[in-house]
Amino acid sequence: EAQMDVGDVIFRSDLAPGVPIYGCEIGGPDVGRGCGGQGISHGFKVLERLGMARWALDFIVMDFLGDVVCGGFATPLARSLAEEVIIVVGHDRQSLYAANNIATAAKYFQSMGGSTQILGLIVNRDDCTDTADRYAAASGLPILTRVPLNQDVRVLADACKLALEVEAFNDIFADLAGRIARREIPPATDYTPLEYPEFLNVFDAHEPPGHPDSATSADLFGGASVERKPLLPDIPLMPVRQVHTADPLERKVQELMEEIGIHVTGLERDPEDGITVTSGATEIRIGEASELTEKAAFLSALIGTKQAFSQIDVRYIDAPSYQ
């Protein structure tokens, strides 16, 4: 990786004479062998090291999954790497649910000082039903354009060809691209992500009243007697001493942790893993002493939930994990 250059990850094609387009596939681990989100996070770090912020390009288009629950896939929002976001939806509940999550994430990151704006929705494979329209009306997100359901385009896509080969579709995308380039689409500011009951109303659906009956041990074990083991052993509590360190960087981390209410009972620094903080039974992996403000903000929000955690990993702040 240290010897990796731009030509190893960025490739060029020409849409027309003198009209180049550059592409990169970040990819991820093999199926079942790792976290795709952390692959995205790491990929962006490589691109930044290769000077992405200084590339002399007119536009950078990022195509991401809508699974913003994953910190890695939320990277363009979380780190304001994207100036503007367009959400592609269909008339189905799953894509609209993902769109609502993206809208929620955008609002959250804006409240944390982020600058990414949402422009609106593209209705893909539009079959002339109105489900996406109902969601747009309920949330306040505008529909920017519609891409009709078309068998010829589907065949082209299966053959790894562009929909632009169909003249009507070329016109749709040319119009949208022109409006974006001319800055004619204002950011959506007056929108409100829907709470789940409101979201279900879009589909004329409602959660059933009440709650399911609780299962019993007899249901699960067939009536056999089962000894219940405690989840955690009883551990006698004892007072712990605060860590004292003379290293300025470690001291800075310790003070930052104490400021947000995390009592530091242990602090280690490893050349490869960076800084690890222990607070009682909780291990907090800080990593490199960079983006400390963002890491502290995440930790502060996490401890504000009043839940107990055994491990928190903020080494990659755009893809944190905890358990």
C-alpha atoms as a PDB file:
ATOM      1  CA  GLU A   1       0.000   0.000   0.000  1.00  0.00           C
ATOM      2  CA  ALA A   2       2.842   2.414   0.785  1.00  0.00           C
ATOM      3  CA  GLN A   3       4.069   2.102  -2.832  1.00  0.00           C
ATOM      4  CA  MET A   4       0.569   2.463  -4.312  1.00  0.00           C
ATOM      5  CA  ASP A   5       0.192   5.255  -6.873  1.00  0.00           C
ATOM      6  CA  VAL A   6      -2.764   6.917  -8.600  1.00  0.00           C
ATOM      7  CA  GLY A   7      -2.411   4.646 -11.626  1.00  0.00           C
ATOM      8  CA  ASP A   8      -2.914   1.567  -9.453  1.00  0.00           C
ATOM      9  CA  VAL A   9      -6.459   2.527  -8.439  1.00  0.00           C
ATOM     10  CA  ILE A  10      -7.727   5.203 -10.882  1.00  0.00           C
ATOM     11  CA  PHE A  11      -8.504   4.316 -14.515  1.00  0.00           C
ATOM     12  CA  ARG A  12      -9.440   6.452 -17.517  1.00  0.00           C
ATOM     13  CA  SER A  13     -11.989   6.060 -20.292  1.00  0.00           C
ATOM     14  CA  ASP A  14     -13.030   8.580 -22.953  1.00  0.00           C
ATOM     15  CA  LEU A  15     -16.740   9.266 -23.358  1.00  0.00           C
ATOM     16  CA  ALA A  16     -15.916  11.306 -26.464  1.00  0.00           C
ATOM     17  CA  PRO A  17     -12.774  12.845 -27.966  1.00  0.00           C
ATOM     18  CA  GLY A  18     -11.356  15.148 -25.308  1.00  0.00           C
ATOM     19  CA  VAL A  19     -13.998  14.120 -22.740  1.00  0.00           C
ATOM     20  CA  PRO A  20     -12.296  11.767 -20.278  1.00  0.00           C
ATOM     21  CA  ILE A  21     -13.929  10.098 -17.305  1.00  0.00           C
ATOM     22  CA  TYR A  22     -11.932   8.600 -14.438  1.00  0.00           C
ATOM     23  CA  GLY A  23     -13.176   5.711 -12.330  1.00  0.00           C
ATOM     24  CA  CYS A  24     -12.279   3.871  -9.155  1.00  0.00           C
ATOM     25  CA  GLU A  25     -13.853   0.842  -7.487  1.00  0.00           C
ATOM     26  CA  ILE A  26     -13.118   0.835  -3.765  1.00  0.00           C
ATOM     27  CA  GLY A  27     -14.435  -2.693  -3.326  1.00  0.00           C
ATOM     28  CA  GLY A  28     -14.123  -4.554  -0.055  1.00  0.00           C
ATOM     29  CA  PRO A  29     -13.277  -7.910   1.524  1.00  0.00           C
ATOM     30  CA  ASP A  30     -14.392 -11.253   0.162  1.00  0.00           C
ATOM     31  CA  VAL A  31     -17.935 -12.224   1.077  1.00  0.00           C
ATOM     32  CA  GLY A  32     -18.142 -13.339   4.700  1.00  0.00           C
ATOM     33  CA  ARG A  33     -14.547 -12.367   5.468  1.00  0.00           C
ATOM     34  CA  GLY A  34     -14.752  -8.846   6.775  1.00  0.00           C
ATOM     35  CA  CYS A  35     -16.643  -5.591   7.156  1.00  0.00           C
ATOM     36  CA  GLY A  36     -17.488  -3.851   3.884  1.00  0.00           C
ATOM     37  CA  GLY A  37     -17.968  -0.572   5.715  1.00  0.00           C
ATOM     38  CA  GLN A  38     -14.422  -0.579   7.070  1.00  0.00           C
ATOM     39  CA  GLY A  39     -13.226  -1.360   3.546  1.00  0.00           C
ATOM     40  CA  ILE A  40     -14.937   1.824   2.344  1.00  0.00           C
ATOM     41  CA  SER A  41     -13.436   3.812   5.200  1.00  0.00           C
ATOM     42  CA  HIS A  42      -9.956   2.499   4.466  1.00  0.00           C
ATOM     43  CA  GLY A  43     -10.419   3.083   0.739  1.00  0.00           C
ATOM     44  CA  PHE A  44     -11.175   6.749   1.305  1.00  0.00           C
ATOM     45  CA  LYS A  45      -8.048   7.101   3.414  1.00  0.00           C
ATOM     46  CA  VAL A  46      -6.025   5.737   0.500  1.00  0.00           C
ATOM     47  CA  LEU A  47      -7.687   8.164  -1.941  1.00  0.00           C
ATOM     48  CA  GLU A  48      -7.028  11.069   0.399  1.00  0.00           C
ATOM     49  CA  ARG A  49      -3.381  10.040   0.680  1.00  0.00           C
ATOM     50  CA  LEU A  50      -3.256  10.073  -3.141  1.00  0.00           C
ATOM     51  CA  GLY A  51      -4.424  13.703  -3.138  1.00  0.00           C
ATOM     52  CA  MET A  52      -8.137  13.353  -3.967  1.00  0.00           C
ATOM     53  CA  ALA A  53      -8.937  16.802  -2.551  1.00  0.00           C
ATOM     54  CA  ARG A  54      -6.510  18.419  -5.024  1.00  0.00           C
ATOM     55  CA  TRP A  55      -7.507  16.597  -8.212  1.00  0.00           C
ATOM     56  CA  ALA A  56      -8.397  19.031 -11.024  1.00  0.00           C
ATOM     57  CA  LEU A  57     -11.760  17.444 -11.836  1.00  0.00           C
ATOM     58  CA  ASP A  58     -15.062  19.144 -12.657  1.00  0.00           C
ATOM     59  CA  PHE A  59     -17.198  16.695 -10.674  1.00  0.00           C
ATOM     60  CA  ILE A  60     -16.649  13.682  -8.441  1.00  0.00           C
ATOM     61  CA  VAL A  61     -19.618  11.300  -8.383  1.00  0.00           C
ATOM     62  CA  MET A  62     -19.798   8.702  -5.606  1.00  0.00           C
ATOM     63  CA  ASP A  63     -22.178   5.753  -6.002  1.00  0.00           C
ATOM     64  CA  PHE A  64     -22.984   4.296  -2.581  1.00  0.00           C
ATOM     65  CA  LEU A  65     -25.344   1.775  -1.066  1.00  0.00           C
ATOM     66  CA  GLY A  66     -28.177   3.296   0.938  1.00  0.00           C
ATOM     67  CA  ASP A  67     -27.219   1.342   4.076  1.00  0.00           C
ATOM     68  CA  VAL A  68     -26.195   4.376   6.122  1.00  0.00           C
ATOM     69  CA  VAL A  69     -26.682   2.397   9.341  1.00  0.00           C
ATOM     70  CA  CYS A  70     -23.188   1.126   8.495  1.00  0.00           C
ATOM     71  CA  GLY A  71     -20.653   3.793   9.402  1.00  0.00           C
ATOM     72  CA  GLY A  72     -18.482   2.966   6.396  1.00  0.00           C
ATOM     73  CA  PHE A  73     -21.237   3.453   3.837  1.00  0.00           C
ATOM     74  CA  ALA A  74     -22.160   6.715   5.573  1.00  0.00           C
ATOM     75  CA  THR A  75     -18.640   8.077   5.010  1.00  0.00           C
ATOM     76  CA  PRO A  76     -19.610  10.733   2.397  1.00  0.00           C
ATOM     77  CA  LEU A  77     -22.208  12.104   4.832  1.00  0.00           C
ATOM     78  CA  ALA A  78     -20.273  11.636   8.057  1.00  0.00           C
ATOM     79  CA  ARG A  79     -17.150  13.401   6.816  1.00  0.00           C
ATOM     80  CA  SER A  80     -18.854  15.876   4.442  1.00  0.00           C
ATOM     81  CA  LEU A  81     -16.879  14.404   1.532  1.00  0.00           C
ATOM     82  CA  ALA A  82     -19.960  14.848  -0.665  1.00  0.00           C
ATOM     83  CA  GLU A  83     -21.212  18.384  -1.222  1.00  0.00           C
ATOM     84  CA  GLU A  84     -24.620  17.208  -2.404  1.00  0.00           C
ATOM     85  CA  VAL A  85     -26.552  13.933  -2.299  1.00  0.00           C
ATOM     86  CA  ILE A  86     -29.208  12.606  -4.666  1.00  0.00           C
ATOM     87  CA  ILE A  87     -31.135   9.578  -3.396  1.00  0.00           C
ATOM     88  CA  VAL A  88     -32.281   6.968  -5.922  1.00  0.00           C
ATOM     89  CA  VAL A  89     -35.561   5.296  -4.967  1.00  0.00           C
ATOM     90  CA  GLY A  90     -38.265   3.111  -6.449  1.00  0.00           C
ATOM     91  CA  HIS A  91     -41.908   2.705  -5.580  1.00  0.00           C
ATOM     92  CA  ASP A  92     -41.046  -0.093  -3.132  1.00  0.00           C
ATOM     93  CA  ARG A  93     -40.931   0.153   0.640  1.00  0.00           C
ATOM     94  CA  GLN A  94     -37.338  -1.009   1.077  1.00  0.00           C
ATOM     95  CA  SER A  95     -35.753   1.674  -1.116  1.00  0.00           C
ATOM     96  CA  LEU A  96     -37.921   4.372   0.461  1.00  0.00           C
ATOM     97  CA  TYR A  97     -36.992   3.109   3.924  1.00  0.00           C
ATOM     98  CA  ALA A  98     -33.305   3.452   2.981  1.00  0.00           C
ATOM     99  CA  ALA A  99     -34.007   6.947   1.607  1.00  0.00           C
ATOM    100  CA  ASN A 100     -35.632   7.923   4.879  1.00  0.00           C
ATOM    101  CA  ASN A 101     -32.575   6.648   6.771  1.00  0.00           C
ATOM    102  CA  ILE A 102     -30.297   8.717   4.527  1.00  0.00           C
ATOM    103  CA  ALA A 103     -32.424  11.807   5.162  1.00  0.00           C
ATOM    104  CA  THR A 104     -32.234  11.121   8.907  1.00  0.00           C
ATOM    105  CA  ALA A 105     -28.446  10.686   8.738  1.00  0.00           C
ATOM    106  CA  ALA A 106     -28.043  13.903   6.739  1.00  0.00           C
ATOM    107  CA  LYS A 107     -30.015  15.856   9.337  1.00  0.00           C
ATOM    108  CA  TYR A 108     -27.946  14.320  12.128  1.00  0.00           C
ATOM    109  CA  PHE A 109     -24.570  15.091  10.554  1.00  0.00           C
ATOM    110  CA  GLN A 110     -25.692  18.643   9.738  1.00  0.00           C
ATOM    111  CA  SER A 111     -26.542  19.093  13.413  1.00  0.00           C
ATOM    112  CA  MET A 112     -22.971  17.954  14.194  1.00  0.00           C
ATOM    113  CA  GLY A 113     -21.516  20.601  11.879  1.00  0.00           C
ATOM    114  CA  GLY A 114     -21.559  18.668   8.585  1.00  0.00           C
ATOM    115  CA  SER A 115     -22.055  20.510   5.302  1.00  0.00           C
ATOM    116  CA  THR A 116     -23.490  17.831   2.989  1.00  0.00           C
ATOM    117  CA  GLN A 117     -26.861  18.815   1.506  1.00  0.00           C
ATOM    118  CA  ILE A 118     -29.610  16.662  -0.027  1.00  0.00           C
ATOM    119  CA  LEU A 119     -30.869  17.798  -3.440  1.00  0.00           C
ATOM    120  CA  GLY A 120     -33.770  15.368  -3.730  1.00  0.00           C
ATOM    121  CA  LEU A 121     -34.953  12.048  -5.137  1.00  0.00           C
ATOM    122  CA  ILE A 122     -34.691  10.220  -8.450  1.00  0.00           C
ATOM    123  CA  VAL A 123     -37.526   7.754  -9.006  1.00  0.00           C
ATOM    124  CA  ASN A 124     -35.918   4.790 -10.770  1.00  0.00           C
ATOM    125  CA  ARG A 125     -37.828   2.153 -12.760  1.00  0.00           C
ATOM    126  CA  ASP A 126     -40.902   4.364 -12.556  1.00  0.00           C
ATOM    127  CA  ASP A 127     -43.991   2.269 -13.298  1.00  0.00           C
ATOM    128  CA  CYS A 128     -46.380   5.240 -12.938  1.00  0.00           C
ATOM    129  CA  THR A 129     -47.601   4.231  -9.484  1.00  0.00           C
ATOM    130  CA  ASP A 130     -47.491   6.890  -6.779  1.00  0.00           C
ATOM    131  CA  THR A 131     -45.771   5.379  -3.727  1.00  0.00           C
ATOM    132  CA  ALA A 132     -42.572   7.416  -4.078  1.00  0.00           C
ATOM    133  CA  ASP A 133     -44.681  10.526  -4.687  1.00  0.00           C
ATOM    134  CA  ARG A 134     -46.547   9.929  -1.448  1.00  0.00           C
ATOM    135  CA  TYR A 135     -43.288   9.574   0.456  1.00  0.00           C
ATOM    136  CA  ALA A 136     -41.912  12.741  -1.154  1.00  0.00           C
ATOM    137  CA  ALA A 137     -45.029  14.686  -0.192  1.00  0.00           C
ATOM    138  CA  ALA A 138     -44.936  13.384   3.387  1.00  0.00           C
ATOM    139  CA  SER A 139     -41.218  14.070   3.928  1.00  0.00           C
ATOM    140  CA  GLY A 140     -40.852  17.256   1.913  1.00  0.00           C
ATOM    141  CA  LEU A 141     -38.085  15.869  -0.322  1.00  0.00           C
ATOM    142  CA  PRO A 142     -38.470  16.960  -3.969  1.00  0.00           C
ATOM    143  CA  ILE A 143     -38.491  14.540  -6.904  1.00  0.00           C
ATOM    144  CA  LEU A 144     -35.840  15.704  -9.374  1.00  0.00           C
ATOM    145  CA  THR A 145     -36.561  13.341 -12.243  1.00  0.00           C
ATOM    146  CA  ARG A 146     -38.091   9.982 -13.132  1.00  0.00           C
ATOM    147  CA  VAL A 147     -36.431   7.099 -14.950  1.00  0.00           C
ATOM    148  CA  PRO A 148     -39.128   4.971 -16.623  1.00  0.00           C
ATOM    149  CA  LEU A 149     -39.240   1.199 -16.355  1.00  0.00           C
ATOM    150  CA  ASN A 150     -37.951   0.020 -19.744  1.00  0.00           C
ATOM    151  CA  GLN A 151     -37.094  -3.448 -21.003  1.00  0.00           C
ATOM    152  CA  ASP A 152     -34.499  -2.215 -23.520  1.00  0.00           C
ATOM    153  CA  VAL A 153     -32.599  -0.417 -20.767  1.00  0.00           C
ATOM    154  CA  ARG A 154     -32.747  -3.502 -18.580  1.00  0.00           C
ATOM    155  CA  VAL A 155     -31.154  -5.566 -21.371  1.00  0.00           C
ATOM    156  CA  LEU A 156     -28.447  -2.926 -21.800  1.00  0.00           C
ATOM    157  CA  ALA A 157     -27.705  -2.935 -18.076  1.00  0.00           C
ATOM    158  CA  ASP A 158     -27.425  -6.733 -18.031  1.00  0.00           C
ATOM    159  CA  ALA A 159     -24.920  -6.429 -20.893  1.00  0.00           C
ATOM    160  CA  CYS A 160     -22.876  -3.840 -18.925  1.00  0.00           C
ATOM    161  CA  LYS A 161     -23.895  -1.037 -21.286  1.00  0.00           C
ATOM    162  CA  LEU A 162     -25.237   2.438 -20.566  1.00  0.00           C
ATOM    163  CA  ALA A 163     -28.893   3.454 -20.664  1.00  0.00           C
ATOM    164  CA  LEU A 164     -27.703   6.539 -22.571  1.00  0.00           C
ATOM    165  CA  GLU A 165     -27.771   4.411 -25.732  1.00  0.00           C
ATOM    166  CA  VAL A 166     -31.570   4.832 -25.645  1.00  0.00           C
ATOM    167  CA  GLU A 167     -32.236   8.389 -26.835  1.00  0.00           C
ATOM    168  CA  ALA A 168     -35.093   9.086 -24.426  1.00  0.00           C
ATOM    169  CA  PHE A 169     -32.922   8.097 -21.473  1.00  0.00           C
ATOM    170  CA  ASN A 170     -30.002  10.149 -22.749  1.00  0.00           C
ATOM    171  CA  ASP A 171     -32.342  13.163 -22.726  1.00  0.00           C
ATOM    172  CA  ILE A 172     -33.438  12.448 -19.127  1.00  0.00           C
ATOM    173  CA  PHE A 173     -29.893  12.280 -17.786  1.00  0.00           C
ATOM    174  CA  ALA A 174     -28.652  15.176 -19.940  1.00  0.00           C
ATOM    175  CA  ASP A 175     -31.400  17.380 -18.515  1.00  0.00           C
ATOM    176  CA  LEU A 176     -30.606  16.384 -14.916  1.00  0.00           C
ATOM    177  CA  ALA A 177     -26.846  16.740 -15.403  1.00  0.00           C
ATOM    178  CA  GLY A 178     -27.332  20.163 -16.974  1.00  0.00           C
ATOM    179  CA  ARG A 179     -29.419  21.404 -14.063  1.00  0.00           C
ATOM    180  CA  ILE A 180     -26.810  20.152 -11.590  1.00  0.00           C
ATOM    181  CA  ALA A 181     -23.928  21.737 -13.531  1.00  0.00           C
ATOM    182  CA  ARG A 182     -25.757  25.072 -13.798  1.00  0.00           C
ATOM    183  CA  ARG A 183     -26.556  24.963 -10.052  1.00  0.00           C
ATOM    184  CA  GLU A 184     -30.270  25.196 -10.793  1.00  0.00           C
ATOM    185  CA  ILE A 185     -31.312  22.682  -8.115  1.00  0.00           C
ATOM    186  CA  PRO A 186     -31.349  24.265  -4.661  1.00  0.00           C
ATOM    187  CA  PRO A 187     -30.562  22.094  -1.621  1.00  0.00           C
ATOM    188  CA  ALA A 188     -33.607  20.624   0.114  1.00  0.00           C
ATOM    189  CA  THR A 189     -33.844  22.337   3.478  1.00  0.00           C
ATOM    190  CA  ASP A 190     -37.529  22.103   4.377  1.00  0.00           C
ATOM    191  CA  TYR A 191     -37.802  18.343   4.763  1.00  0.00           C
ATOM    192  CA  THR A 192     -38.472  16.124   7.748  1.00  0.00           C
ATOM    193  CA  PRO A 193     -37.484  12.426   7.903  1.00  0.00           C
ATOM    194  CA  LEU A 194     -40.481  10.324   8.872  1.00  0.00           C
ATOM    195  CA  GLU A 195     -40.872   8.469  12.135  1.00  0.00           C
ATOM    196  CA  TYR A 196     -41.730   4.797  11.613  1.00  0.00           C
ATOM    197  CA  PRO A 197     -45.517   5.140  12.153  1.00  0.00           C
ATOM    198  CA  GLU A 198     -45.558   8.061   9.696  1.00  0.00           C
ATOM    199  CA  PHE A 199     -43.499   6.038   7.236  1.00  0.00           C
ATOM    200  CA  LEU A 200     -45.971   3.164   7.395  1.00  0.00           C
ATOM    201  CA  ASN A 201     -48.804   5.607   6.686  1.00  0.00           C
ATOM    202  CA  VAL A 202     -47.285   6.162   3.235  1.00  0.00           C
ATOM    203  CA  PHE A 203     -48.259   2.567   2.461  1.00  0.00           C
ATOM    204  CA  ASP A 204     -51.600   2.741   4.305  1.00  0.00           C
ATOM    205  CA  ALA A 205     -50.055   0.332   6.806  1.00  0.00           C
ATOM    206  CA  HIS A 206     -50.061   0.355  10.585  1.00  0.00           C
ATOM    207  CA  GLU A 207     -48.282  -1.677  13.219  1.00  0.00           C
ATOM    208  CA  PRO A 208     -50.698  -4.084  14.909  1.00  0.00           C
ATOM    209  CA  PRO A 209     -51.826  -2.992  18.367  1.00  0.00           C
ATOM    210  CA  GLY A 210     -50.288  -4.462  21.499  1.00  0.00           C
ATOM    211  CA  HIS A 211     -47.199  -6.629  21.701  1.00  0.00           C
ATOM    212  CA  PRO A 212     -46.510 -10.307  20.912  1.00  0.00           C
ATOM    213  CA  ASP A 213     -46.747 -12.743  23.787  1.00  0.00           C
ATOM    214  CA  SER A 214     -43.444 -13.474  25.520  1.00  0.00           C
ATOM    215  CA  ALA A 215     -41.933 -16.905  24.932  1.00  0.00           C
ATOM    216  CA  THR A 216     -41.378 -19.165  27.927  1.00  0.00           C
ATOM    217  CA  SER A 217     -38.606 -21.597  28.779  1.00  0.00           C
ATOM    218  CA  ALA A 218     -41.109 -24.411  28.307  1.00  0.00           C
ATOM    219  CA  ASP A 219     -41.721 -23.215  24.733  1.00  0.00           C
ATOM    220  CA  LEU A 220     -38.038 -23.212  23.870  1.00  0.00           C
ATOM    221  CA  PHE A 221     -36.756 -26.213  25.833  1.00  0.00           C
ATOM    222  CA  GLY A 222     -39.749 -28.496  25.405  1.00  0.00           C
ATOM    223  CA  GLY A 223     -40.604 -28.480  29.100  1.00  0.00           C
ATOM    224  CA  ALA A 224     -37.164 -29.725  30.213  1.00  0.00           C
ATOM    225  CA  SER A 225     -35.731 -28.236  33.368  1.00  0.00           C
ATOM    226  CA  VAL A 226     -32.879 -25.869  32.527  1.00  0.00           C
ATOM    227  CA  GLU A 227     -30.423 -24.346  34.956  1.00  0.00           C
ATOM    228  CA  ARG A 228     -30.158 -20.622  34.392  1.00  0.00           C
ATOM    229  CA  LYS A 229     -26.576 -19.403  34.389  1.00  0.00           C
ATOM    230  CA  PRO A 230     -25.754 -15.788  35.122  1.00  0.00           C
ATOM    231  CA  LEU A 231     -24.680 -13.757  32.100  1.00  0.00           C
ATOM    232  CA  LEU A 232     -21.823 -12.215  34.054  1.00  0.00           C
ATOM    233  CA  PRO A 233     -20.066 -13.455  37.173  1.00  0.00           C
ATOM    234  CA  ASP A 234     -20.330 -11.435  40.360  1.00  0.00           C
ATOM    235  CA  ILE A 235     -17.264  -9.225  40.494  1.00  0.00           C
ATOM    236  CA  PRO A 236     -16.423  -7.397  43.711  1.00  0.00           C
ATOM    237  CA  LEU A 237     -16.026  -3.671  43.130  1.00  0.00           C
ATOM    238  CA  MET A 238     -12.904  -1.939  44.291  1.00  0.00           C
ATOM    239  CA  PRO A 239     -11.655   1.612  43.982  1.00  0.00           C
ATOM    240  CA  VAL A 240      -9.386   2.294  41.018  1.00  0.00           C
ATOM    241  CA  ARG A 241      -6.642   4.821  40.689  1.00  0.00           C
ATOM    242  CA  GLN A 242      -6.561   7.363  37.908  1.00  0.00           C
ATOM    243  CA  VAL A 243      -3.758   7.043  35.369  1.00  0.00           C
ATOM    244  CA  HIS A 244      -0.884   9.508  35.547  1.00  0.00           C
ATOM    245  CA  THR A 245       1.120  10.097  32.387  1.00  0.00           C
ATOM    246  CA  ALA A 246       3.805  12.611  31.489  1.00  0.00           C
ATOM    247  CA  ASP A 247       3.466  12.129  27.728  1.00  0.00           C
ATOM    248  CA  PRO A 248       1.765  15.281  26.299  1.00  0.00           C
ATOM    249  CA  LEU A 249      -0.230  13.375  23.674  1.00  0.00           C
ATOM    250  CA  GLU A 250      -1.459  10.737  26.109  1.00  0.00           C
ATOM    251  CA  ARG A 251      -2.268  13.477  28.602  1.00  0.00           C
ATOM    252  CA  LYS A 252      -4.336  15.264  25.960  1.00  0.00           C
ATOM    253  CA  VAL A 253      -6.333  12.098  25.282  1.00  0.00           C
ATOM    254  CA  GLN A 254      -6.838  11.497  28.995  1.00  0.00           C
ATOM    255  CA  GLU A 255      -8.072  15.038  29.613  1.00  0.00           C
ATOM    256  CA  LEU A 256     -10.438  14.804  26.654  1.00  0.00           C
ATOM    257  CA  MET A 257     -11.885  11.551  27.997  1.00  0.00           C
ATOM    258  CA  GLU A 258     -12.357  13.026  31.470  1.00  0.00           C
ATOM    259  CA  GLU A 259     -14.089  16.088  29.987  1.00  0.00           C
ATOM    260  CA  ILE A 260     -16.825  13.927  28.459  1.00  0.00           C
ATOM    261  CA  GLY A 261     -17.262  11.856  31.614  1.00  0.00           C
ATOM    262  CA  ILE A 262     -15.052   8.845  30.868  1.00  0.00           C
ATOM    263  CA  HIS A 263     -12.875   7.995  33.880  1.00  0.00           C
ATOM    264  CA  VAL A 264      -9.556   6.683  32.564  1.00  0.00           C
ATOM    265  CA  THR A 265      -8.255   3.710  34.554  1.00  0.00           C
ATOM    266  CA  GLY A 266      -5.711   2.548  31.999  1.00  0.00           C
ATOM    267  CA  LEU A 267      -3.921   3.977  28.965  1.00  0.00           C
ATOM    268  CA  GLU A 268      -1.578   2.167  26.591  1.00  0.00           C
ATOM    269  CA  ARG A 269       0.156   3.261  23.413  1.00  0.00           C
ATOM    270  CA  ASP A 270       1.173   0.783  20.722  1.00  0.00           C
ATOM    271  CA  PRO A 271       3.168   1.620  17.563  1.00  0.00           C
ATOM    272  CA  GLU A 272       0.643  -0.216  15.371  1.00  0.00           C
ATOM    273  CA  ASP A 273      -2.709   0.118  17.172  1.00  0.00           C
ATOM    274  CA  GLY A 274      -2.164   3.577  18.630  1.00  0.00           C
ATOM    275  CA  ILE A 275      -3.753   4.573  21.937  1.00  0.00           C
ATOM    276  CA  THR A 276      -6.096   2.297  23.889  1.00  0.00           C
ATOM    277  CA  VAL A 277      -7.961   3.676  26.894  1.00  0.00           C
ATOM    278  CA  THR A 278      -9.476   1.527  29.632  1.00  0.00           C
ATOM    279  CA  SER A 279     -12.364   2.780  31.719  1.00  0.00           C
ATOM    280  CA  GLY A 280     -13.206   0.116  34.283  1.00  0.00           C
ATOM    281  CA  ALA A 281     -14.338  -2.918  32.273  1.00  0.00           C
ATOM    282  CA  THR A 282     -14.619  -0.956  29.016  1.00  0.00           C
ATOM    283  CA  GLU A 283     -11.817  -0.909  26.448  1.00  0.00           C
ATOM    284  CA  ILE A 284     -11.795   2.133  24.146  1.00  0.00           C
ATOM    285  CA  ARG A 285      -9.540   1.899  21.104  1.00  0.00           C
ATOM    286  CA  ILE A 286      -8.633   5.463  20.111  1.00  0.00           C
ATOM    287  CA  GLY A 287      -5.933   4.659  17.563  1.00  0.00           C
ATOM    288  CA  GLU A 288      -3.916   7.558  16.223  1.00  0.00           C
ATOM    289  CA  ALA A 289      -4.304  10.862  18.045  1.00  0.00           C
ATOM    290  CA  SER A 290      -6.046  12.447  15.057  1.00  0.00           C
ATOM    291  CA  GLU A 291      -9.655  13.613  14.695  1.00  0.00           C
ATOM    292  CA  LEU A 292      -9.847  13.595  18.494  1.00  0.00           C
ATOM    293  CA  THR A 293     -12.715  16.093  18.556  1.00  0.00           C
ATOM    294  CA  GLU A 294     -14.832  13.873  16.290  1.00  0.00           C
ATOM    295  CA  LYS A 295     -13.913  10.762  18.295  1.00  0.00           C
ATOM    296  CA  ALA A 296     -14.812  12.487  21.562  1.00  0.00           C
ATOM    297  CA  ALA A 297     -18.142  13.645  20.105  1.00  0.00           C
ATOM    298  CA  PHE A 298     -19.030  10.071  19.140  1.00  0.00           C
ATOM    299  CA  LEU A 299     -17.979   8.695  22.534  1.00  0.00           C
ATOM    300  CA  SER A 300     -19.968  11.403  24.310  1.00  0.00           C
ATOM    301  CA  ALA A 301     -23.097  10.530  22.335  1.00  0.00           C
ATOM    302  CA  LEU A 302     -22.544   6.823  22.992  1.00  0.00           C
ATOM    303  CA  ILE A 303     -22.163   7.124  26.755  1.00  0.00           C
ATOM    304  CA  GLY A 304     -25.207   9.384  26.742  1.00  0.00           C
ATOM    305  CA  THR A 305     -27.299   6.314  25.898  1.00  0.00           C
ATOM    306  CA  LYS A 306     -26.560   4.996  29.431  1.00  0.00           C
ATOM    307  CA  GLN A 307     -25.791   1.541  28.021  1.00  0.00           C
ATOM    308  CA  ALA A 308     -22.914  -0.662  29.137  1.00  0.00           C
ATOM    309  CA  PHE A 309     -20.185  -1.443  26.605  1.00  0.00           C
ATOM    310  CA  SER A 310     -17.276  -3.855  26.792  1.00  0.00           C
ATOM    311  CA  GLN A 311     -15.400  -2.455  23.799  1.00  0.00           C
ATOM    312  CA  ILE A 312     -15.608   0.727  21.727  1.00  0.00           C
ATOM    313  CA  ASP A 313     -13.465   1.181  18.622  1.00  0.00           C
ATOM    314  CA  VAL A 314     -13.131   4.688  17.162  1.00  0.00           C
ATOM    315  CA  ARG A 315      -9.820   4.198  15.361  1.00  0.00           C
ATOM    316  CA  TYR A 316     -11.727   4.811  12.125  1.00  0.00           C
ATOM    317  CA  ILE A 317     -14.186   7.498  13.166  1.00  0.00           C
ATOM    318  CA  ASP A 318     -16.195   7.168   9.966  1.00  0.00           C
ATOM    319  CA  ALA A 319     -16.757   3.472  10.746  1.00  0.00           C
ATOM    320  CA  PRO A 320     -16.857   3.139  14.548  1.00  0.00           C
ATOM    321  CA  SER A 321     -17.909  -0.090  16.240  1.00  0.00           C
ATOM    322  CA  TYR A 322     -18.903  -1.075  19.743  1.00  0.00           C
ATOM    323  CA  GLN A 323     -20.257  -3.991  21.713  1.00  0.00           C
END
